[in-house]
Amino acid sequence: MDRKMANRKLIRLSQLKTKLATENLEEIDWVTFGVIVKKVTPQSANNGRTFSIWRLNDLRDLNECVSLFLFGEVHKEHWKTDQGTV
């Protein structure tokens, strides 16, 4: 993990909103970790394609979640991922 995190900044999901408002994250090599705390049943978009929505949390502040929308190949590959997965 130390090797993979070298020269990268860890930003907690619960800090993401603040960091997006105060820092230019496009210029920083950053990573975050989250736990799937809720999965919505796959939905169909207006164009007929299916997508998933996951609610992610870092377990530090349970009131701060990030919604992740999965489309295309990402949806096809990961939509069965279990709630509770990191």
PDB file of N, CA and C in Angstrom:
ATOM      1  N   MET A   1       0.829  -1.185   0.000  1.00  0.00           N
ATOM      2  CA  MET A   1       0.000   0.000   0.000  1.00  0.00           C
ATOM      3  C   MET A   1       0.875   1.251   0.000  1.00  0.00           C
ATOM      4  N   ASP A   2       1.977   1.223   0.745  1.00  0.00           N
ATOM      5  CA  ASP A   2       2.879   2.374   0.768  1.00  0.00           C
ATOM      6  C   ASP A   2       3.383   2.704  -0.637  1.00  0.00           C
ATOM      7  N   ARG A   3       3.716   1.678  -1.403  1.00  0.00           N
ATOM      8  CA  ARG A   3       4.205   1.896  -2.769  1.00  0.00           C
ATOM      9  C   ARG A   3       3.118   2.510  -3.648  1.00  0.00           C
ATOM     10  N   LYS A   4       1.898   2.016  -3.524  1.00  0.00           N
ATOM     11  CA  LYS A   4       0.799   2.539  -4.350  1.00  0.00           C
ATOM     12  C   LYS A   4       0.406   3.961  -3.960  1.00  0.00           C
ATOM     13  N   MET A   5       0.612   4.311  -2.699  1.00  0.00           N
ATOM     14  CA  MET A   5       0.243   5.652  -2.213  1.00  0.00           C
ATOM     15  C   MET A   5       1.368   6.670  -2.347  1.00  0.00           C
ATOM     16  N   ALA A   6       2.546   6.228  -2.757  1.00  0.00           N
ATOM     17  CA  ALA A   6       3.686   7.140  -2.876  1.00  0.00           C
ATOM     18  C   ALA A   6       3.336   8.307  -3.792  1.00  0.00           C
ATOM     19  N   ASN A   7       3.607   9.512  -3.328  1.00  0.00           N
ATOM     20  CA  ASN A   7       3.367  10.752  -4.082  1.00  0.00           C
ATOM     21  C   ASN A   7       1.896  11.028  -4.355  1.00  0.00           C
ATOM     22  N   ARG A   8       1.015  10.398  -3.637  1.00  0.00           N
ATOM     23  CA  ARG A   8      -0.421  10.644  -3.778  1.00  0.00           C
ATOM     24  C   ARG A   8      -0.963  11.185  -2.469  1.00  0.00           C
ATOM     25  N   LYS A   9      -2.024  11.965  -2.585  1.00  0.00           N
ATOM     26  CA  LYS A   9      -2.658  12.542  -1.406  1.00  0.00           C
ATOM     27  C   LYS A   9      -3.954  11.795  -1.114  1.00  0.00           C
ATOM     28  N   LEU A  10      -4.126  11.376   0.129  1.00  0.00           N
ATOM     29  CA  LEU A  10      -5.372  10.730   0.552  1.00  0.00           C
ATOM     30  C   LEU A  10      -6.377  11.806   0.920  1.00  0.00           C
ATOM     31  N   ILE A  11      -7.533  11.752   0.295  1.00  0.00           N
ATOM     32  CA  ILE A  11      -8.634  12.649   0.636  1.00  0.00           C
ATOM     33  C   ILE A  11      -9.806  11.769   1.052  1.00  0.00           C
ATOM     34  N   ARG A  12     -10.232  11.925   2.284  1.00  0.00           N
ATOM     35  CA  ARG A  12     -11.359  11.140   2.780  1.00  0.00           C
ATOM     36  C   ARG A  12     -12.637  11.571   2.064  1.00  0.00           C
ATOM     37  N   LEU A  13     -13.538  10.621   1.836  1.00  0.00           N
ATOM     38  CA  LEU A  13     -14.810  10.949   1.194  1.00  0.00           C
ATOM     39  C   LEU A  13     -15.552  12.040   1.954  1.00  0.00           C
ATOM     40  N   SER A  14     -15.491  12.002   3.269  1.00  0.00           N
ATOM     41  CA  SER A  14     -16.192  13.011   4.068  1.00  0.00           C
ATOM     42  C   SER A  14     -15.573  14.395   3.920  1.00  0.00           C
ATOM     43  N   GLN A  15     -14.357  14.486   3.360  1.00  0.00           N
ATOM     44  CA  GLN A  15     -13.689  15.773   3.134  1.00  0.00           C
ATOM     45  C   GLN A  15     -13.800  16.228   1.686  1.00  0.00           C
ATOM     46  N   LEU A  16     -14.312  15.386   0.820  1.00  0.00           N
ATOM     47  CA  LEU A  16     -14.266  15.646  -0.616  1.00  0.00           C
ATOM     48  C   LEU A  16     -14.963  16.942  -1.013  1.00  0.00           C
ATOM     49  N   LYS A  17     -16.137  17.197  -0.488  1.00  0.00           N
ATOM     50  CA  LYS A  17     -16.882  18.412  -0.844  1.00  0.00           C
ATOM     51  C   LYS A  17     -16.076  19.660  -0.497  1.00  0.00           C
ATOM     52  N   THR A  18     -15.496  19.687   0.688  1.00  0.00           N
ATOM     53  CA  THR A  18     -14.685  20.833   1.113  1.00  0.00           C
ATOM     54  C   THR A  18     -13.450  20.964   0.242  1.00  0.00           C
ATOM     55  N   LYS A  19     -12.773  19.857  -0.029  1.00  0.00           N
ATOM     56  CA  LYS A  19     -11.551  19.888  -0.841  1.00  0.00           C
ATOM     57  C   LYS A  19     -11.839  20.351  -2.259  1.00  0.00           C
ATOM     58  N   LEU A  20     -12.971  19.934  -2.828  1.00  0.00           N
ATOM     59  CA  LEU A  20     -13.334  20.374  -4.178  1.00  0.00           C
ATOM     60  C   LEU A  20     -13.554  21.885  -4.227  1.00  0.00           C
ATOM     61  N   ALA A  21     -14.070  22.447  -3.136  1.00  0.00           N
ATOM     62  CA  ALA A  21     -14.339  23.879  -3.084  1.00  0.00           C
ATOM     63  C   ALA A  21     -13.083  24.705  -2.836  1.00  0.00           C
ATOM     64  N   THR A  22     -12.079  24.116  -2.196  1.00  0.00           N
ATOM     65  CA  THR A  22     -10.922  24.907  -1.776  1.00  0.00           C
ATOM     66  C   THR A  22      -9.624  24.584  -2.504  1.00  0.00           C
ATOM     67  N   GLU A  23      -9.563  23.469  -3.206  1.00  0.00           N
ATOM     68  CA  GLU A  23      -8.330  23.068  -3.884  1.00  0.00           C
ATOM     69  C   GLU A  23      -8.622  22.696  -5.331  1.00  0.00           C
ATOM     70  N   ASN A  24      -7.612  22.839  -6.176  1.00  0.00           N
ATOM     71  CA  ASN A  24      -7.733  22.411  -7.564  1.00  0.00           C
ATOM     72  C   ASN A  24      -7.259  20.959  -7.641  1.00  0.00           C
ATOM     73  N   LEU A  25      -8.175  20.034  -7.473  1.00  0.00           N
ATOM     74  CA  LEU A  25      -7.820  18.617  -7.410  1.00  0.00           C
ATOM     75  C   LEU A  25      -7.358  18.061  -8.748  1.00  0.00           C
ATOM     76  N   GLU A  26      -7.618  18.780  -9.822  1.00  0.00           N
ATOM     77  CA  GLU A  26      -7.151  18.325 -11.134  1.00  0.00           C
ATOM     78  C   GLU A  26      -5.633  18.382 -11.227  1.00  0.00           C
ATOM     79  N   GLU A  27      -5.003  19.162 -10.372  1.00  0.00           N
ATOM     80  CA  GLU A  27      -3.542  19.294 -10.397  1.00  0.00           C
ATOM     81  C   GLU A  27      -2.860  18.428  -9.350  1.00  0.00           C
ATOM     82  N   ILE A  28      -3.638  17.625  -8.622  1.00  0.00           N
ATOM     83  CA  ILE A  28      -3.103  16.798  -7.550  1.00  0.00           C
ATOM     84  C   ILE A  28      -3.388  15.332  -7.872  1.00  0.00           C
ATOM     85  N   ASP A  29      -2.407  14.463  -7.619  1.00  0.00           N
ATOM     86  CA  ASP A  29      -2.621  13.026  -7.743  1.00  0.00           C
ATOM     87  C   ASP A  29      -3.186  12.555  -6.411  1.00  0.00           C
ATOM     88  N   TRP A  30      -4.504  12.333  -6.358  1.00  0.00           N
ATOM     89  CA  TRP A  30      -5.162  11.997  -5.098  1.00  0.00           C
ATOM     90  C   TRP A  30      -5.967  10.723  -5.232  1.00  0.00           C
ATOM     91  N   VAL A  31      -6.225  10.107  -4.085  1.00  0.00           N
ATOM     92  CA  VAL A  31      -7.033   8.887  -4.020  1.00  0.00           C
ATOM     93  C   VAL A  31      -8.011   9.010  -2.868  1.00  0.00           C
ATOM     94  N   THR A  32      -9.039   8.202  -2.937  1.00  0.00           N
ATOM     95  CA  THR A  32      -9.990   8.128  -1.841  1.00  0.00           C
ATOM     96  C   THR A  32     -10.449   6.687  -1.704  1.00  0.00           C
ATOM     97  N   PHE A  33     -10.998   6.355  -0.566  1.00  0.00           N
ATOM     98  CA  PHE A  33     -11.527   5.022  -0.310  1.00  0.00           C
ATOM     99  C   PHE A  33     -12.948   5.183   0.189  1.00  0.00           C
ATOM    100  N   GLY A  34     -13.791   4.236  -0.148  1.00  0.00           N
ATOM    101  CA  GLY A  34     -15.162   4.288   0.331  1.00  0.00           C
ATOM    102  C   GLY A  34     -15.751   2.906   0.469  1.00  0.00           C
ATOM    103  N   VAL A  35     -16.770   2.830   1.286  1.00  0.00           N
ATOM    104  CA  VAL A  35     -17.528   1.611   1.492  1.00  0.00           C
ATOM    105  C   VAL A  35     -18.896   1.803   0.850  1.00  0.00           C
ATOM    106  N   ILE A  36     -19.359   0.795   0.132  1.00  0.00           N
ATOM    107  CA  ILE A  36     -20.702   0.872  -0.445  1.00  0.00           C
ATOM    108  C   ILE A  36     -21.691   0.701   0.702  1.00  0.00           C
ATOM    109  N   VAL A  37     -22.374   1.791   1.069  1.00  0.00           N
ATOM    110  CA  VAL A  37     -23.331   1.721   2.172  1.00  0.00           C
ATOM    111  C   VAL A  37     -24.762   1.540   1.683  1.00  0.00           C
ATOM    112  N   LYS A  38     -24.995   1.820   0.398  1.00  0.00           N
ATOM    113  CA  LYS A  38     -26.333   1.608  -0.165  1.00  0.00           C
ATOM    114  C   LYS A  38     -26.211   1.435  -1.668  1.00  0.00           C
ATOM    115  N   LYS A  39     -26.981   0.502  -2.190  1.00  0.00           N
ATOM    116  CA  LYS A  39     -27.055   0.301  -3.630  1.00  0.00           C
ATOM    117  C   LYS A  39     -28.507   0.460  -4.059  1.00  0.00           C
ATOM    118  N   VAL A  40     -28.725   1.232  -5.104  1.00  0.00           N
ATOM    119  CA  VAL A  40     -30.049   1.388  -5.683  1.00  0.00           C
ATOM    120  C   VAL A  40     -30.195   0.329  -6.771  1.00  0.00           C
ATOM    121  N   THR A  41     -31.360  -0.264  -6.881  1.00  0.00           N
ATOM    122  CA  THR A  41     -31.619  -1.236  -7.941  1.00  0.00           C
ATOM    123  C   THR A  41     -31.265  -0.603  -9.285  1.00  0.00           C
ATOM    124  N   PRO A  42     -30.555  -1.341 -10.164  1.00  0.00           N
ATOM    125  CA  PRO A  42     -30.181  -0.769 -11.463  1.00  0.00           C
ATOM    126  C   PRO A  42     -31.366  -0.098 -12.158  1.00  0.00           C
ATOM    127  N   GLN A  43     -31.077   1.038 -12.765  1.00  0.00           N
ATOM    128  CA  GLN A  43     -32.077   1.873 -13.426  1.00  0.00           C
ATOM    129  C   GLN A  43     -31.852   1.864 -14.939  1.00  0.00           C
ATOM    130  N   SER A  44     -32.874   2.265 -15.686  1.00  0.00           N
ATOM    131  CA  SER A  44     -32.730   2.439 -17.133  1.00  0.00           C
ATOM    132  C   SER A  44     -32.756   3.921 -17.458  1.00  0.00           C
ATOM    133  N   ALA A  45     -31.760   4.352 -18.228  1.00  0.00           N
ATOM    134  CA  ALA A  45     -31.695   5.746 -18.671  1.00  0.00           C
ATOM    135  C   ALA A  45     -32.680   5.955 -19.816  1.00  0.00           C
ATOM    136  N   ASN A  46     -32.889   7.204 -20.193  1.00  0.00           N
ATOM    137  CA  ASN A  46     -33.806   7.520 -21.298  1.00  0.00           C
ATOM    138  C   ASN A  46     -33.392   6.849 -22.602  1.00  0.00           C
ATOM    139  N   ASN A  47     -32.082   6.602 -22.752  1.00  0.00           N
ATOM    140  CA  ASN A  47     -31.605   5.965 -23.983  1.00  0.00           C
ATOM    141  C   ASN A  47     -31.699   4.437 -23.912  1.00  0.00           C
ATOM    142  N   GLY A  48     -32.253   3.893 -22.810  1.00  0.00           N
ATOM    143  CA  GLY A  48     -32.443   2.458 -22.669  1.00  0.00           C
ATOM    144  C   GLY A  48     -31.287   1.720 -22.025  1.00  0.00           C
ATOM    145  N   ARG A  49     -30.191   2.401 -21.796  1.00  0.00           N
ATOM    146  CA  ARG A  49     -29.037   1.754 -21.176  1.00  0.00           C
ATOM    147  C   ARG A  49     -29.209   1.694 -19.666  1.00  0.00           C
ATOM    148  N   THR A  50     -28.723   0.613 -19.087  1.00  0.00           N
ATOM    149  CA  THR A  50     -28.854   0.392 -17.654  1.00  0.00           C
ATOM    150  C   THR A  50     -27.653   0.981 -16.917  1.00  0.00           C
ATOM    151  N   PHE A  51     -27.909   1.517 -15.716  1.00  0.00           N
ATOM    152  CA  PHE A  51     -26.836   2.050 -14.881  1.00  0.00           C
ATOM    153  C   PHE A  51     -27.158   1.770 -13.425  1.00  0.00           C
ATOM    154  N   SER A  52     -26.155   1.891 -12.581  1.00  0.00           N
ATOM    155  CA  SER A  52     -26.304   1.678 -11.149  1.00  0.00           C
ATOM    156  C   SER A  52     -25.914   2.937 -10.389  1.00  0.00           C
ATOM    157  N   ILE A  53     -26.446   3.056  -9.187  1.00  0.00           N
ATOM    158  CA  ILE A  53     -26.074   4.150  -8.285  1.00  0.00           C
ATOM    159  C   ILE A  53     -25.658   3.528  -6.960  1.00  0.00           C
ATOM    160  N   TRP A  54     -24.467   3.870  -6.517  1.00  0.00           N
ATOM    161  CA  TRP A  54     -23.975   3.446  -5.213  1.00  0.00           C
ATOM    162  C   TRP A  54     -23.831   4.663  -4.322  1.00  0.00           C
ATOM    163  N   ARG A  55     -24.118   4.509  -3.041  1.00  0.00           N
ATOM    164  CA  ARG A  55     -23.833   5.538  -2.034  1.00  0.00           C
ATOM    165  C   ARG A  55     -22.604   5.068  -1.274  1.00  0.00           C
ATOM    166  N   LEU A  56     -21.563   5.896  -1.278  1.00  0.00           N
ATOM    167  CA  LEU A  56     -20.297   5.557  -0.645  1.00  0.00           C
ATOM    168  C   LEU A  56     -20.067   6.425   0.578  1.00  0.00           C
ATOM    169  N   ASN A  57     -19.384   5.850   1.566  1.00  0.00           N
ATOM    170  CA  ASN A  57     -19.065   6.573   2.793  1.00  0.00           C
ATOM    171  C   ASN A  57     -17.709   6.095   3.284  1.00  0.00           C
ATOM    172  N   ASP A  58     -17.001   6.944   4.026  1.00  0.00           N
ATOM    173  CA  ASP A  58     -15.693   6.549   4.567  1.00  0.00           C
ATOM    174  C   ASP A  58     -15.785   6.064   6.017  1.00  0.00           C
ATOM    175  N   LEU A  59     -16.989   5.948   6.541  1.00  0.00           N
ATOM    176  CA  LEU A  59     -17.282   5.474   7.898  1.00  0.00           C
ATOM    177  C   LEU A  59     -16.755   6.418   8.983  1.00  0.00           C
ATOM    178  N   ARG A  60     -16.302   7.587   8.595  1.00  0.00           N
ATOM    179  CA  ARG A  60     -15.881   8.580   9.575  1.00  0.00           C
ATOM    180  C   ARG A  60     -17.058   9.479   9.927  1.00  0.00           C
ATOM    181  N   ASP A  61     -17.791   9.927   8.914  1.00  0.00           N
ATOM    182  CA  ASP A  61     -18.962  10.779   9.112  1.00  0.00           C
ATOM    183  C   ASP A  61     -20.097  10.155   8.308  1.00  0.00           C
ATOM    184  N   LEU A  62     -20.985   9.454   8.976  1.00  0.00           N
ATOM    185  CA  LEU A  62     -22.041   8.713   8.281  1.00  0.00           C
ATOM    186  C   LEU A  62     -23.076   9.609   7.609  1.00  0.00           C
ATOM    187  N   ASN A  63     -23.033  10.911   7.892  1.00  0.00           N
ATOM    188  CA  ASN A  63     -23.949  11.847   7.231  1.00  0.00           C
ATOM    189  C   ASN A  63     -23.409  12.341   5.894  1.00  0.00           C
ATOM    190  N   GLU A  64     -22.132  12.117   5.627  1.00  0.00           N
ATOM    191  CA  GLU A  64     -21.501  12.577   4.385  1.00  0.00           C
ATOM    192  C   GLU A  64     -21.304  11.396   3.443  1.00  0.00           C
ATOM    193  N   CYS A  65     -22.144  11.287   2.430  1.00  0.00           N
ATOM    194  CA  CYS A  65     -22.028  10.223   1.437  1.00  0.00           C
ATOM    195  C   CYS A  65     -21.779  10.828   0.070  1.00  0.00           C
ATOM    196  N   VAL A  66     -21.211  10.032  -0.796  1.00  0.00           N
ATOM    197  CA  VAL A  66     -20.984  10.404  -2.183  1.00  0.00           C
ATOM    198  C   VAL A  66     -21.764   9.423  -3.038  1.00  0.00           C
ATOM    199  N   SER A  67     -22.502   9.925  -4.014  1.00  0.00           N
ATOM    200  CA  SER A  67     -23.217   9.053  -4.944  1.00  0.00           C
ATOM    201  C   SER A  67     -22.328   8.796  -6.148  1.00  0.00           C
ATOM    202  N   LEU A  68     -22.184   7.536  -6.501  1.00  0.00           N
ATOM    203  CA  LEU A  68     -21.373   7.126  -7.635  1.00  0.00           C
ATOM    204  C   LEU A  68     -22.294   6.475  -8.654  1.00  0.00           C
ATOM    205  N   PHE A  69     -22.286   7.002  -9.867  1.00  0.00           N
ATOM    206  CA  PHE A  69     -23.107   6.470 -10.945  1.00  0.00           C
ATOM    207  C   PHE A  69     -22.224   5.603 -11.838  1.00  0.00           C
ATOM    208  N   LEU A  70     -22.654   4.368 -12.086  1.00  0.00           N
ATOM    209  CA  LEU A  70     -21.891   3.436 -12.908  1.00  0.00           C
ATOM    210  C   LEU A  70     -22.627   3.217 -14.223  1.00  0.00           C
ATOM    211  N   PHE A  71     -21.936   3.489 -15.329  1.00  0.00           N
ATOM    212  CA  PHE A  71     -22.506   3.356 -16.666  1.00  0.00           C
ATOM    213  C   PHE A  71     -21.657   2.403 -17.511  1.00  0.00           C
ATOM    214  N   GLY A  72     -22.216   1.931 -18.601  1.00  0.00           N
ATOM    215  CA  GLY A  72     -21.473   1.183 -19.615  1.00  0.00           C
ATOM    216  C   GLY A  72     -20.780  -0.049 -19.073  1.00  0.00           C
ATOM    217  N   GLU A  73     -19.526  -0.224 -19.486  1.00  0.00           N
ATOM    218  CA  GLU A  73     -18.754  -1.397 -19.095  1.00  0.00           C
ATOM    219  C   GLU A  73     -18.529  -1.453 -17.588  1.00  0.00           C
ATOM    220  N   VAL A  74     -18.382  -0.303 -16.953  1.00  0.00           N
ATOM    221  CA  VAL A  74     -18.190  -0.280 -15.496  1.00  0.00           C
ATOM    222  C   VAL A  74     -19.420  -0.854 -14.809  1.00  0.00           C
ATOM    223  N   HIS A  75     -20.597  -0.446 -15.268  1.00  0.00           N
ATOM    224  CA  HIS A  75     -21.836  -0.999 -14.711  1.00  0.00           C
ATOM    225  C   HIS A  75     -21.886  -2.513 -14.934  1.00  0.00           C
ATOM    226  N   LYS A  76     -21.636  -2.951 -16.162  1.00  0.00           N
ATOM    227  CA  LYS A  76     -21.719  -4.383 -16.485  1.00  0.00           C
ATOM    228  C   LYS A  76     -20.769  -5.202 -15.631  1.00  0.00           C
ATOM    229  N   GLU A  77     -19.578  -4.677 -15.373  1.00  0.00           N
ATOM    230  CA  GLU A  77     -18.570  -5.425 -14.629  1.00  0.00           C
ATOM    231  C   GLU A  77     -18.809  -5.418 -13.120  1.00  0.00           C
ATOM    232  N   HIS A  78     -19.406  -4.339 -12.587  1.00  0.00           N
ATOM    233  CA  HIS A  78     -19.440  -4.176 -11.138  1.00  0.00           C
ATOM    234  C   HIS A  78     -20.830  -4.125 -10.500  1.00  0.00           C
ATOM    235  N   TRP A  79     -21.912  -4.196 -11.251  1.00  0.00           N
ATOM    236  CA  TRP A  79     -23.233  -3.963 -10.659  1.00  0.00           C
ATOM    237  C   TRP A  79     -23.604  -4.992  -9.594  1.00  0.00           C
ATOM    238  N   LYS A  80     -22.986  -6.156  -9.602  1.00  0.00           N
ATOM    239  CA  LYS A  80     -23.292  -7.184  -8.613  1.00  0.00           C
ATOM    240  C   LYS A  80     -22.436  -7.071  -7.347  1.00  0.00           C
ATOM    241  N   THR A  81     -21.555  -6.078  -7.281  1.00  0.00           N
ATOM    242  CA  THR A  81     -20.698  -5.897  -6.113  1.00  0.00           C
ATOM    243  C   THR A  81     -21.570  -5.731  -4.871  1.00  0.00           C
ATOM    244  N   ASP A  82     -21.199  -6.415  -3.794  1.00  0.00           N
ATOM    245  CA  ASP A  82     -22.003  -6.429  -2.579  1.00  0.00           C
ATOM    246  C   ASP A  82     -21.917  -5.132  -1.795  1.00  0.00           C
ATOM    247  N   GLN A  83     -23.026  -4.756  -1.209  1.00  0.00           N
ATOM    248  CA  GLN A  83     -23.054  -3.645  -0.250  1.00  0.00           C
ATOM    249  C   GLN A  83     -22.088  -4.008   0.886  1.00  0.00           C
ATOM    250  N   GLY A  84     -21.332  -3.047   1.355  1.00  0.00           N
ATOM    251  CA  GLY A  84     -20.351  -3.295   2.399  1.00  0.00           C
ATOM    252  C   GLY A  84     -18.938  -3.479   1.859  1.00  0.00           C
ATOM    253  N   THR A  85     -18.815  -3.595   0.537  1.00  0.00           N
ATOM    254  CA  THR A  85     -17.508  -3.743  -0.087  1.00  0.00           C
ATOM    255  C   THR A  85     -16.761  -2.422  -0.076  1.00  0.00           C
ATOM    256  N   VAL A  86     -15.435  -2.485   0.135  1.00  0.00           N
ATOM    257  CA  VAL A  86     -14.579  -1.289   0.091  1.00  0.00           C
ATOM    258  C   VAL A  86     -14.136  -1.086  -1.329  1.00  0.00           C
TER     259      VAL A  86
END
